[in-house]
């Protein structure tokens, strides 16, 4: 039996397509997202800020809002959650579908 997980589109004016694509690969396939996104997913503000390029630094709040609104809450928040998510996705048959962006901004 498969599990269904909702994921949404980021506000395109806020998050670039590369970040969105990398997040989807992490959520859907358990692929390691790299330094900046790993820090964000791990809830490591210091390293997220230090590893961000200028665009991602300026859009960090929107990335956090997208995670809060659209990502499964079990896939981010601590290094342990991230590790468990990657193991879970790689070992289970999960069906994903995307929904329209209704990201809260306040």
PDB file of N, CA and C in Angstrom:
ATOM      1  N   UNK A   1       0.840  -1.173   0.000  1.00  0.00           N
ATOM      2  CA  UNK A   1       0.000   0.000   0.000  1.00  0.00           C
ATOM      3  C   UNK A   1       0.886   1.238   0.000  1.00  0.00           C
ATOM      4  N   UNK A   2       0.465   2.270  -0.707  1.00  0.00           N
ATOM      5  CA  UNK A   2       1.253   3.490  -0.795  1.00  0.00           C
ATOM      6  C   UNK A   2       0.636   4.583   0.061  1.00  0.00           C
ATOM      7  N   UNK A   3       1.465   5.553   0.412  1.00  0.00           N
ATOM      8  CA  UNK A   3       1.029   6.698   1.189  1.00  0.00           C
ATOM      9  C   UNK A   3       0.964   7.900   0.257  1.00  0.00           C
ATOM     10  N   UNK A   4      -0.025   8.759   0.419  1.00  0.00           N
ATOM     11  CA  UNK A   4      -0.158   9.960  -0.399  1.00  0.00           C
ATOM     12  C   UNK A   4       0.274  11.163   0.422  1.00  0.00           C
ATOM     13  N   UNK A   5       1.081  12.021  -0.183  1.00  0.00           N
ATOM     14  CA  UNK A   5       1.576  13.217   0.479  1.00  0.00           C
ATOM     15  C   UNK A   5       1.328  14.406  -0.429  1.00  0.00           C
ATOM     16  N   UNK A   6       0.772  15.469   0.127  1.00  0.00           N
ATOM     17  CA  UNK A   6       0.522  16.718  -0.600  1.00  0.00           C
ATOM     18  C   UNK A   6       1.770  17.577  -0.602  1.00  0.00           C
ATOM     19  N   UNK A   7       2.155  18.097  -1.745  1.00  0.00           N
ATOM     20  CA  UNK A   7       3.213  19.095  -1.813  1.00  0.00           C
ATOM     21  C   UNK A   7       2.748  20.200  -2.739  1.00  0.00           C
ATOM     22  N   UNK A   8       3.161  21.420  -2.459  1.00  0.00           N
ATOM     23  CA  UNK A   8       2.656  22.547  -3.234  1.00  0.00           C
ATOM     24  C   UNK A   8       3.718  23.241  -4.046  1.00  0.00           C
ATOM     25  N   UNK A   9       3.272  24.188  -4.824  1.00  0.00           N
ATOM     26  CA  UNK A   9       4.159  25.010  -5.622  1.00  0.00           C
ATOM     27  C   UNK A   9       4.613  26.201  -4.793  1.00  0.00           C
ATOM     28  N   UNK A  10       5.909  26.539  -4.847  1.00  0.00           N
ATOM     29  CA  UNK A  10       6.325  27.738  -4.115  1.00  0.00           C
ATOM     30  C   UNK A  10       5.898  28.985  -4.871  1.00  0.00           C
ATOM     31  N   UNK A  11       5.770  30.089  -4.187  1.00  0.00           N
ATOM     32  CA  UNK A  11       5.507  31.332  -4.911  1.00  0.00           C
ATOM     33  C   UNK A  11       6.690  31.611  -5.828  1.00  0.00           C
ATOM     34  N   UNK A  12       6.503  31.573  -7.121  1.00  0.00           N
ATOM     35  CA  UNK A  12       7.616  31.695  -8.054  1.00  0.00           C
ATOM     36  C   UNK A  12       8.348  33.029  -7.926  1.00  0.00           C
ATOM     37  N   UNK A  13       7.686  34.055  -7.481  1.00  0.00           N
ATOM     38  CA  UNK A  13       8.373  35.328  -7.315  1.00  0.00           C
ATOM     39  C   UNK A  13       9.251  35.322  -6.068  1.00  0.00           C
ATOM     40  N   UNK A  14       9.114  34.318  -5.237  1.00  0.00           N
ATOM     41  CA  UNK A  14       9.854  34.259  -3.981  1.00  0.00           C
ATOM     42  C   UNK A  14      10.962  33.203  -4.006  1.00  0.00           C
ATOM     43  N   UNK A  15      10.666  32.002  -4.502  1.00  0.00           N
ATOM     44  CA  UNK A  15      11.640  30.914  -4.545  1.00  0.00           C
ATOM     45  C   UNK A  15      11.963  30.606  -5.995  1.00  0.00           C
ATOM     46  N   UNK A  16      13.234  30.410  -6.281  1.00  0.00           N
ATOM     47  CA  UNK A  16      13.576  30.106  -7.661  1.00  0.00           C
ATOM     48  C   UNK A  16      13.293  28.638  -7.979  1.00  0.00           C
ATOM     49  N   UNK A  17      13.272  28.325  -9.251  1.00  0.00           N
ATOM     50  CA  UNK A  17      12.919  26.973  -9.701  1.00  0.00           C
ATOM     51  C   UNK A  17      13.911  25.931  -9.230  1.00  0.00           C
ATOM     52  N   UNK A  18      15.186  26.297  -9.129  1.00  0.00           N
ATOM     53  CA  UNK A  18      16.200  25.337  -8.675  1.00  0.00           C
ATOM     54  C   UNK A  18      15.954  24.905  -7.231  1.00  0.00           C
ATOM     55  N   UNK A  19      15.628  25.853  -6.367  1.00  0.00           N
ATOM     56  CA  UNK A  19      15.330  25.521  -4.969  1.00  0.00           C
ATOM     57  C   UNK A  19      14.086  24.649  -4.901  1.00  0.00           C
ATOM     58  N   UNK A  20      13.047  25.016  -5.655  1.00  0.00           N
ATOM     59  CA  UNK A  20      11.817  24.234  -5.681  1.00  0.00           C
ATOM     60  C   UNK A  20      12.104  22.807  -6.154  1.00  0.00           C
ATOM     61  N   UNK A  21      12.850  22.666  -7.239  1.00  0.00           N
ATOM     62  CA  UNK A  21      13.168  21.345  -7.780  1.00  0.00           C
ATOM     63  C   UNK A  21      13.980  20.515  -6.779  1.00  0.00           C
ATOM     64  N   UNK A  22      14.924  21.150  -6.110  1.00  0.00           N
ATOM     65  CA  UNK A  22      15.740  20.435  -5.127  1.00  0.00           C
ATOM     66  C   UNK A  22      14.893  19.984  -3.943  1.00  0.00           C
ATOM     67  N   UNK A  23      14.000  20.843  -3.492  1.00  0.00           N
ATOM     68  CA  UNK A  23      13.096  20.458  -2.396  1.00  0.00           C
ATOM     69  C   UNK A  23      12.218  19.278  -2.800  1.00  0.00           C
ATOM     70  N   UNK A  24      11.696  19.308  -4.004  1.00  0.00           N
ATOM     71  CA  UNK A  24      10.845  18.200  -4.453  1.00  0.00           C
ATOM     72  C   UNK A  24      11.633  16.897  -4.556  1.00  0.00           C
ATOM     73  N   UNK A  25      12.876  16.966  -5.023  1.00  0.00           N
ATOM     74  CA  UNK A  25      13.708  15.754  -5.085  1.00  0.00           C
ATOM     75  C   UNK A  25      13.970  15.205  -3.689  1.00  0.00           C
ATOM     76  N   UNK A  26      14.188  16.098  -2.734  1.00  0.00           N
ATOM     77  CA  UNK A  26      14.374  15.669  -1.342  1.00  0.00           C
ATOM     78  C   UNK A  26      13.091  15.037  -0.805  1.00  0.00           C
ATOM     79  N   UNK A  27      11.961  15.729  -0.966  1.00  0.00           N
ATOM     80  CA  UNK A  27      10.694  15.236  -0.411  1.00  0.00           C
ATOM     81  C   UNK A  27      10.244  13.962  -1.111  1.00  0.00           C
ATOM     82  N   UNK A  28      10.332  13.930  -2.429  1.00  0.00           N
ATOM     83  CA  UNK A  28       9.810  12.794  -3.187  1.00  0.00           C
ATOM     84  C   UNK A  28      10.730  11.590  -3.215  1.00  0.00           C
ATOM     85  N   UNK A  29      12.041  11.834  -3.256  1.00  0.00           N
ATOM     86  CA  UNK A  29      12.977  10.736  -3.473  1.00  0.00           C
ATOM     87  C   UNK A  29      13.997  10.565  -2.354  1.00  0.00           C
ATOM     88  N   UNK A  30      13.978  11.448  -1.362  1.00  0.00           N
ATOM     89  CA  UNK A  30      14.917  11.341  -0.261  1.00  0.00           C
ATOM     90  C   UNK A  30      16.342  11.700  -0.636  1.00  0.00           C
ATOM     91  N   UNK A  31      16.507  12.512  -1.696  1.00  0.00           N
ATOM     92  CA  UNK A  31      17.850  12.902  -2.128  1.00  0.00           C
ATOM     93  C   UNK A  31      18.381  14.039  -1.258  1.00  0.00           C
ATOM     94  N   UNK A  32      19.638  13.947  -0.875  1.00  0.00           N
ATOM     95  CA  UNK A  32      20.266  14.961  -0.021  1.00  0.00           C
ATOM     96  C   UNK A  32      20.251  16.302  -0.746  1.00  0.00           C
ATOM     97  N   UNK A  33      19.750  17.369  -0.093  1.00  0.00           N
ATOM     98  CA  UNK A  33      19.560  18.639  -0.780  1.00  0.00           C
ATOM     99  C   UNK A  33      20.769  19.571  -0.837  1.00  0.00           C
ATOM    100  N   UNK A  34      21.855  19.263  -0.189  1.00  0.00           N
ATOM    101  CA  UNK A  34      23.015  20.153  -0.217  1.00  0.00           C
ATOM    102  C   UNK A  34      23.081  21.053   1.004  1.00  0.00           C
ATOM    103  N   UNK A  35      24.143  21.853   1.093  1.00  0.00           N
ATOM    104  CA  UNK A  35      24.452  22.631   2.286  1.00  0.00           C
ATOM    105  C   UNK A  35      23.382  23.583   2.769  1.00  0.00           C
ATOM    106  N   UNK A  36      23.006  24.545   1.929  1.00  0.00           N
ATOM    107  CA  UNK A  36      22.037  25.556   2.346  1.00  0.00           C
ATOM    108  C   UNK A  36      20.698  24.934   2.717  1.00  0.00           C
ATOM    109  N   UNK A  37      20.130  24.122   1.818  1.00  0.00           N
ATOM    110  CA  UNK A  37      18.813  23.536   2.109  1.00  0.00           C
ATOM    111  C   UNK A  37      18.887  22.542   3.264  1.00  0.00           C
ATOM    112  N   UNK A  38      19.986  21.833   3.398  1.00  0.00           N
ATOM    113  CA  UNK A  38      20.130  20.931   4.553  1.00  0.00           C
ATOM    114  C   UNK A  38      20.075  21.727   5.846  1.00  0.00           C
ATOM    115  N   UNK A  39      20.754  22.859   5.875  1.00  0.00           N
ATOM    116  CA  UNK A  39      20.732  23.698   7.078  1.00  0.00           C
ATOM    117  C   UNK A  39      19.314  24.183   7.372  1.00  0.00           C
ATOM    118  N   UNK A  40      18.592  24.601   6.338  1.00  0.00           N
ATOM    119  CA  UNK A  40      17.207  25.051   6.530  1.00  0.00           C
ATOM    120  C   UNK A  40      16.357  23.898   7.065  1.00  0.00           C
ATOM    121  N   UNK A  41      16.441  22.741   6.422  1.00  0.00           N
ATOM    122  CA  UNK A  41      15.639  21.583   6.839  1.00  0.00           C
ATOM    123  C   UNK A  41      15.995  21.129   8.250  1.00  0.00           C
ATOM    124  N   UNK A  42      17.271  21.264   8.610  1.00  0.00           N
ATOM    125  CA  UNK A  42      17.728  20.867   9.948  1.00  0.00           C
ATOM    126  C   UNK A  42      17.394  21.890  11.018  1.00  0.00           C
ATOM    127  N   UNK A  43      16.806  23.033  10.616  1.00  0.00           N
ATOM    128  CA  UNK A  43      16.482  24.119  11.535  1.00  0.00           C
ATOM    129  C   UNK A  43      17.750  24.736  12.115  1.00  0.00           C
ATOM    130  N   UNK A  44      18.769  24.876  11.277  1.00  0.00           N
ATOM    131  CA  UNK A  44      20.067  25.416  11.668  1.00  0.00           C
ATOM    132  C   UNK A  44      20.222  26.794  11.020  1.00  0.00           C
ATOM    133  N   UNK A  45      19.700  27.808  11.684  1.00  0.00           N
ATOM    134  CA  UNK A  45      19.675  29.160  11.123  1.00  0.00           C
ATOM    135  C   UNK A  45      21.076  29.676  10.819  1.00  0.00           C
ATOM    136  N   UNK A  46      21.990  29.473  11.727  1.00  0.00           N
ATOM    137  CA  UNK A  46      23.352  29.988  11.531  1.00  0.00           C
ATOM    138  C   UNK A  46      23.945  29.487  10.216  1.00  0.00           C
ATOM    139  N   UNK A  47      23.911  28.189   9.993  1.00  0.00           N
ATOM    140  CA  UNK A  47      24.493  27.640   8.774  1.00  0.00           C
ATOM    141  C   UNK A  47      23.640  27.946   7.531  1.00  0.00           C
ATOM    142  N   UNK A  48      22.341  28.062   7.696  1.00  0.00           N
ATOM    143  CA  UNK A  48      21.502  28.444   6.554  1.00  0.00           C
ATOM    144  C   UNK A  48      21.897  29.834   6.066  1.00  0.00           C
ATOM    145  N   UNK A  49      22.080  30.759   6.989  1.00  0.00           N
ATOM    146  CA  UNK A  49      22.462  32.124   6.625  1.00  0.00           C
ATOM    147  C   UNK A  49      23.874  32.142   6.042  1.00  0.00           C
ATOM    148  N   UNK A  50      24.797  31.419   6.657  1.00  0.00           N
ATOM    149  CA  UNK A  50      26.176  31.417   6.173  1.00  0.00           C
ATOM    150  C   UNK A  50      26.325  30.729   4.822  1.00  0.00           C
ATOM    151  N   UNK A  51      25.500  29.698   4.545  1.00  0.00           N
ATOM    152  CA  UNK A  51      25.603  28.940   3.293  1.00  0.00           C
ATOM    153  C   UNK A  51      24.764  29.522   2.155  1.00  0.00           C
ATOM    154  N   UNK A  52      23.890  30.467   2.463  1.00  0.00           N
ATOM    155  CA  UNK A  52      22.988  31.014   1.435  1.00  0.00           C
ATOM    156  C   UNK A  52      23.714  31.953   0.494  1.00  0.00           C
ATOM    157  N   UNK A  53      23.344  31.866  -0.790  1.00  0.00           N
ATOM    158  CA  UNK A  53      23.787  32.914  -1.701  1.00  0.00           C
ATOM    159  C   UNK A  53      22.868  34.124  -1.481  1.00  0.00           C
ATOM    160  N   UNK A  54      23.116  35.202  -2.195  1.00  0.00           N
ATOM    161  CA  UNK A  54      22.353  36.427  -1.949  1.00  0.00           C
ATOM    162  C   UNK A  54      20.848  36.236  -2.161  1.00  0.00           C
ATOM    163  N   UNK A  55      20.469  35.578  -3.255  1.00  0.00           N
ATOM    164  CA  UNK A  55      19.051  35.375  -3.549  1.00  0.00           C
ATOM    165  C   UNK A  55      18.375  34.534  -2.463  1.00  0.00           C
ATOM    166  N   UNK A  56      18.999  33.430  -2.078  1.00  0.00           N
ATOM    167  CA  UNK A  56      18.400  32.571  -1.059  1.00  0.00           C
ATOM    168  C   UNK A  56      18.379  33.237   0.309  1.00  0.00           C
ATOM    169  N   UNK A  57      19.390  34.038   0.602  1.00  0.00           N
ATOM    170  CA  UNK A  57      19.391  34.785   1.860  1.00  0.00           C
ATOM    171  C   UNK A  57      18.190  35.718   1.916  1.00  0.00           C
ATOM    172  N   UNK A  58      17.946  36.434   0.823  1.00  0.00           N
ATOM    173  CA  UNK A  58      16.827  37.375   0.797  1.00  0.00           C
ATOM    174  C   UNK A  58      15.472  36.675   0.829  1.00  0.00           C
ATOM    175  N   UNK A  59      15.409  35.435   0.367  1.00  0.00           N
ATOM    176  CA  UNK A  59      14.144  34.702   0.294  1.00  0.00           C
ATOM    177  C   UNK A  59      14.003  33.617   1.361  1.00  0.00           C
ATOM    178  N   UNK A  60      14.850  33.653   2.364  1.00  0.00           N
ATOM    179  CA  UNK A  60      14.833  32.615   3.398  1.00  0.00           C
ATOM    180  C   UNK A  60      13.469  32.514   4.097  1.00  0.00           C
ATOM    181  N   UNK A  61      12.852  33.641   4.375  1.00  0.00           N
ATOM    182  CA  UNK A  61      11.553  33.598   5.057  1.00  0.00           C
ATOM    183  C   UNK A  61      10.488  32.917   4.201  1.00  0.00           C
ATOM    184  N   UNK A  62      10.537  33.103   2.882  1.00  0.00           N
ATOM    185  CA  UNK A  62       9.545  32.480   2.011  1.00  0.00           C
ATOM    186  C   UNK A  62       9.780  30.978   1.889  1.00  0.00           C
ATOM    187  N   UNK A  63      11.033  30.585   1.917  1.00  0.00           N
ATOM    188  CA  UNK A  63      11.349  29.165   1.921  1.00  0.00           C
ATOM    189  C   UNK A  63      10.794  28.508   3.182  1.00  0.00           C
ATOM    190  N   UNK A  64      10.976  29.155   4.320  1.00  0.00           N
ATOM    191  CA  UNK A  64      10.446  28.619   5.583  1.00  0.00           C
ATOM    192  C   UNK A  64       8.920  28.562   5.562  1.00  0.00           C
ATOM    193  N   UNK A  65       8.295  29.577   4.986  1.00  0.00           N
ATOM    194  CA  UNK A  65       6.834  29.573   4.875  1.00  0.00           C
ATOM    195  C   UNK A  65       6.359  28.452   3.955  1.00  0.00           C
ATOM    196  N   UNK A  66       7.086  28.203   2.854  1.00  0.00           N
ATOM    197  CA  UNK A  66       6.718  27.107   1.951  1.00  0.00           C
ATOM    198  C   UNK A  66       6.818  25.773   2.676  1.00  0.00           C
ATOM    199  N   UNK A  67       7.899  25.572   3.418  1.00  0.00           N
ATOM    200  CA  UNK A  67       8.039  24.325   4.171  1.00  0.00           C
ATOM    201  C   UNK A  67       6.875  24.162   5.150  1.00  0.00           C
ATOM    202  N   UNK A  68       6.564  25.229   5.871  1.00  0.00           N
ATOM    203  CA  UNK A  68       5.483  25.183   6.855  1.00  0.00           C
ATOM    204  C   UNK A  68       4.136  24.864   6.217  1.00  0.00           C
ATOM    205  N   UNK A  69       3.876  25.458   5.053  1.00  0.00           N
ATOM    206  CA  UNK A  69       2.576  25.307   4.403  1.00  0.00           C
ATOM    207  C   UNK A  69       2.444  24.046   3.560  1.00  0.00           C
ATOM    208  N   UNK A  70       3.533  23.551   2.980  1.00  0.00           N
ATOM    209  CA  UNK A  70       3.411  22.498   1.988  1.00  0.00           C
ATOM    210  C   UNK A  70       4.198  21.220   2.252  1.00  0.00           C
ATOM    211  N   UNK A  71       5.293  21.303   2.941  1.00  0.00           N
ATOM    212  CA  UNK A  71       6.107  20.108   3.153  1.00  0.00           C
ATOM    213  C   UNK A  71       5.541  19.284   4.309  1.00  0.00           C
ATOM    214  N   UNK A  72       5.658  17.970   4.225  1.00  0.00           N
ATOM    215  CA  UNK A  72       5.248  17.149   5.367  1.00  0.00           C
ATOM    216  C   UNK A  72       6.055  17.556   6.597  1.00  0.00           C
ATOM    217  N   UNK A  73       5.372  17.765   7.715  1.00  0.00           N
ATOM    218  CA  UNK A  73       6.088  18.270   8.889  1.00  0.00           C
ATOM    219  C   UNK A  73       7.109  17.280   9.430  1.00  0.00           C
ATOM    220  N   UNK A  74       7.014  16.032   9.015  1.00  0.00           N
ATOM    221  CA  UNK A  74       7.989  15.039   9.464  1.00  0.00           C
ATOM    222  C   UNK A  74       9.274  15.058   8.636  1.00  0.00           C
ATOM    223  N   UNK A  75       9.367  15.927   7.609  1.00  0.00           N
ATOM    224  CA  UNK A  75      10.565  15.932   6.764  1.00  0.00           C
ATOM    225  C   UNK A  75      11.523  17.073   7.093  1.00  0.00           C
ATOM    226  N   UNK A  76      11.220  17.906   8.067  1.00  0.00           N
ATOM    227  CA  UNK A  76      12.110  19.014   8.413  1.00  0.00           C
ATOM    228  C   UNK A  76      11.954  19.363   9.887  1.00  0.00           C
ATOM    229  N   UNK A  77      12.939  20.104  10.404  1.00  0.00           N
ATOM    230  CA  UNK A  77      12.852  20.571  11.788  1.00  0.00           C
ATOM    231  C   UNK A  77      14.042  20.191  12.647  1.00  0.00           C
ATOM    232  N   UNK A  78      14.745  19.129  12.280  1.00  0.00           N
ATOM    233  CA  UNK A  78      15.930  18.694  13.023  1.00  0.00           C
ATOM    234  C   UNK A  78      16.733  17.739  12.150  1.00  0.00           C
ATOM    235  N   UNK A  79      18.012  17.564  12.456  1.00  0.00           N
ATOM    236  CA  UNK A  79      18.809  16.596  11.689  1.00  0.00           C
ATOM    237  C   UNK A  79      18.234  15.181  11.777  1.00  0.00           C
ATOM    238  N   UNK A  80      17.679  14.832  12.918  1.00  0.00           N
ATOM    239  CA  UNK A  80      17.087  13.503  13.088  1.00  0.00           C
ATOM    240  C   UNK A  80      15.880  13.306  12.186  1.00  0.00           C
ATOM    241  N   UNK A  81      15.012  14.323  12.093  1.00  0.00           N
ATOM    242  CA  UNK A  81      13.841  14.250  11.218  1.00  0.00           C
ATOM    243  C   UNK A  81      14.249  14.126   9.756  1.00  0.00           C
ATOM    244  N   UNK A  82      15.266  14.876   9.354  1.00  0.00           N
ATOM    245  CA  UNK A  82      15.733  14.837   7.965  1.00  0.00           C
ATOM    246  C   UNK A  82      16.276  13.450   7.642  1.00  0.00           C
ATOM    247  N   UNK A  83      17.078  12.914   8.529  1.00  0.00           N
ATOM    248  CA  UNK A  83      17.652  11.573   8.312  1.00  0.00           C
ATOM    249  C   UNK A  83      16.550  10.519   8.231  1.00  0.00           C
ATOM    250  N   UNK A  84      15.607  10.577   9.161  1.00  0.00           N
ATOM    251  CA  UNK A  84      14.504   9.615   9.157  1.00  0.00           C
ATOM    252  C   UNK A  84      13.660   9.749   7.889  1.00  0.00           C
ATOM    253  N   UNK A  85      13.439  10.997   7.428  1.00  0.00           N
ATOM    254  CA  UNK A  85      12.648  11.206   6.211  1.00  0.00           C
ATOM    255  C   UNK A  85      13.325  10.560   5.008  1.00  0.00           C
ATOM    256  N   UNK A  86      14.619  10.805   4.867  1.00  0.00           N
ATOM    257  CA  UNK A  86      15.332  10.237   3.718  1.00  0.00           C
ATOM    258  C   UNK A  86      15.281   8.705   3.756  1.00  0.00           C
ATOM    259  N   UNK A  87      15.440   8.127   4.933  1.00  0.00           N
ATOM    260  CA  UNK A  87      15.357   6.669   5.068  1.00  0.00           C
ATOM    261  C   UNK A  87      13.940   6.182   4.762  1.00  0.00           C
ATOM    262  N   UNK A  88      12.932   6.903   5.256  1.00  0.00           N
ATOM    263  CA  UNK A  88      11.539   6.536   5.057  1.00  0.00           C
ATOM    264  C   UNK A  88      11.169   6.547   3.573  1.00  0.00           C
ATOM    265  N   UNK A  89      11.513   7.640   2.891  1.00  0.00           N
ATOM    266  CA  UNK A  89      11.155   7.773   1.479  1.00  0.00           C
ATOM    267  C   UNK A  89      11.842   6.699   0.643  1.00  0.00           C
ATOM    268  N   UNK A  90      13.090   6.428   0.935  1.00  0.00           N
ATOM    269  CA  UNK A  90      13.839   5.449   0.156  1.00  0.00           C
ATOM    270  C   UNK A  90      13.358   4.018   0.388  1.00  0.00           C
ATOM    271  N   UNK A  91      12.710   3.770   1.518  1.00  0.00           N
ATOM    272  CA  UNK A  91      12.302   2.402   1.827  1.00  0.00           C
ATOM    273  C   UNK A  91      10.799   2.148   1.687  1.00  0.00           C
ATOM    274  N   UNK A  92      10.021   3.146   1.269  1.00  0.00           N
ATOM    275  CA  UNK A  92       8.570   2.993   1.143  1.00  0.00           C
ATOM    276  C   UNK A  92       8.089   3.458  -0.224  1.00  0.00           C
ATOM    277  N   UNK A  93       6.961   2.916  -0.633  1.00  0.00           N
ATOM    278  CA  UNK A  93       6.336   3.329  -1.891  1.00  0.00           C
ATOM    279  C   UNK A  93       5.383   4.474  -1.580  1.00  0.00           C
ATOM    280  N   UNK A  94       5.787   5.703  -1.931  1.00  0.00           N
ATOM    281  CA  UNK A  94       4.986   6.884  -1.617  1.00  0.00           C
ATOM    282  C   UNK A  94       4.539   7.542  -2.918  1.00  0.00           C
ATOM    283  N   UNK A  95       3.267   7.925  -2.995  1.00  0.00           N
ATOM    284  CA  UNK A  95       2.725   8.619  -4.163  1.00  0.00           C
ATOM    285  C   UNK A  95       2.586  10.094  -3.797  1.00  0.00           C
ATOM    286  N   UNK A  96       3.155  10.965  -4.630  1.00  0.00           N
ATOM    287  CA  UNK A  96       3.087  12.397  -4.391  1.00  0.00           C
ATOM    288  C   UNK A  96       2.214  13.057  -5.444  1.00  0.00           C
ATOM    289  N   UNK A  97       1.514  14.090  -5.066  1.00  0.00           N
ATOM    290  CA  UNK A  97       0.838  14.940  -6.038  1.00  0.00           C
ATOM    291  C   UNK A  97       0.973  16.372  -5.572  1.00  0.00           C
ATOM    292  N   UNK A  98       0.964  17.279  -6.509  1.00  0.00           N
ATOM    293  CA  UNK A  98       1.163  18.684  -6.199  1.00  0.00           C
ATOM    294  C   UNK A  98      -0.162  19.420  -6.221  1.00  0.00           C
ATOM    295  N   UNK A  99      -0.252  20.437  -5.384  1.00  0.00           N
ATOM    296  CA  UNK A  99      -1.451  21.268  -5.347  1.00  0.00           C
ATOM    297  C   UNK A  99      -1.051  22.710  -5.556  1.00  0.00           C
ATOM    298  N   UNK A 100      -2.032  23.557  -5.833  1.00  0.00           N
ATOM    299  CA  UNK A 100      -1.745  24.971  -6.065  1.00  0.00           C
ATOM    300  C   UNK A 100      -1.216  25.626  -4.800  1.00  0.00           C
ATOM    301  N   UNK A 101      -0.473  26.695  -5.010  1.00  0.00           N
ATOM    302  CA  UNK A 101       0.136  27.444  -3.911  1.00  0.00           C
ATOM    303  C   UNK A 101      -0.909  28.312  -3.223  1.00  0.00           C
ATOM    304  N   UNK A 102      -1.086  28.079  -1.942  1.00  0.00           N
ATOM    305  CA  UNK A 102      -1.925  28.917  -1.096  1.00  0.00           C
ATOM    306  C   UNK A 102      -1.111  29.380   0.101  1.00  0.00           C
ATOM    307  N   UNK A 103       0.154  29.653  -0.123  1.00  0.00           N
ATOM    308  CA  UNK A 103       1.103  29.945   0.938  1.00  0.00           C
ATOM    309  C   UNK A 103       0.651  31.141   1.771  1.00  0.00           C
ATOM    310  N   UNK A 104       0.591  30.948   3.080  1.00  0.00           N
ATOM    311  CA  UNK A 104       0.299  32.053   3.982  1.00  0.00           C
ATOM    312  C   UNK A 104       1.522  32.955   4.038  1.00  0.00           C
ATOM    313  N   UNK A 105       1.316  34.216   4.076  1.00  0.00           N
ATOM    314  CA  UNK A 105       2.449  35.148   4.100  1.00  0.00           C
ATOM    315  C   UNK A 105       2.517  35.944   5.389  1.00  0.00           C
ATOM    316  N   UNK A 106       1.657  35.691   6.328  1.00  0.00           N
ATOM    317  CA  UNK A 106       1.739  36.425   7.590  1.00  0.00           C
ATOM    318  C   UNK A 106       1.868  35.477   8.750  1.00  0.00           C
TER     319      UNK A 106
END
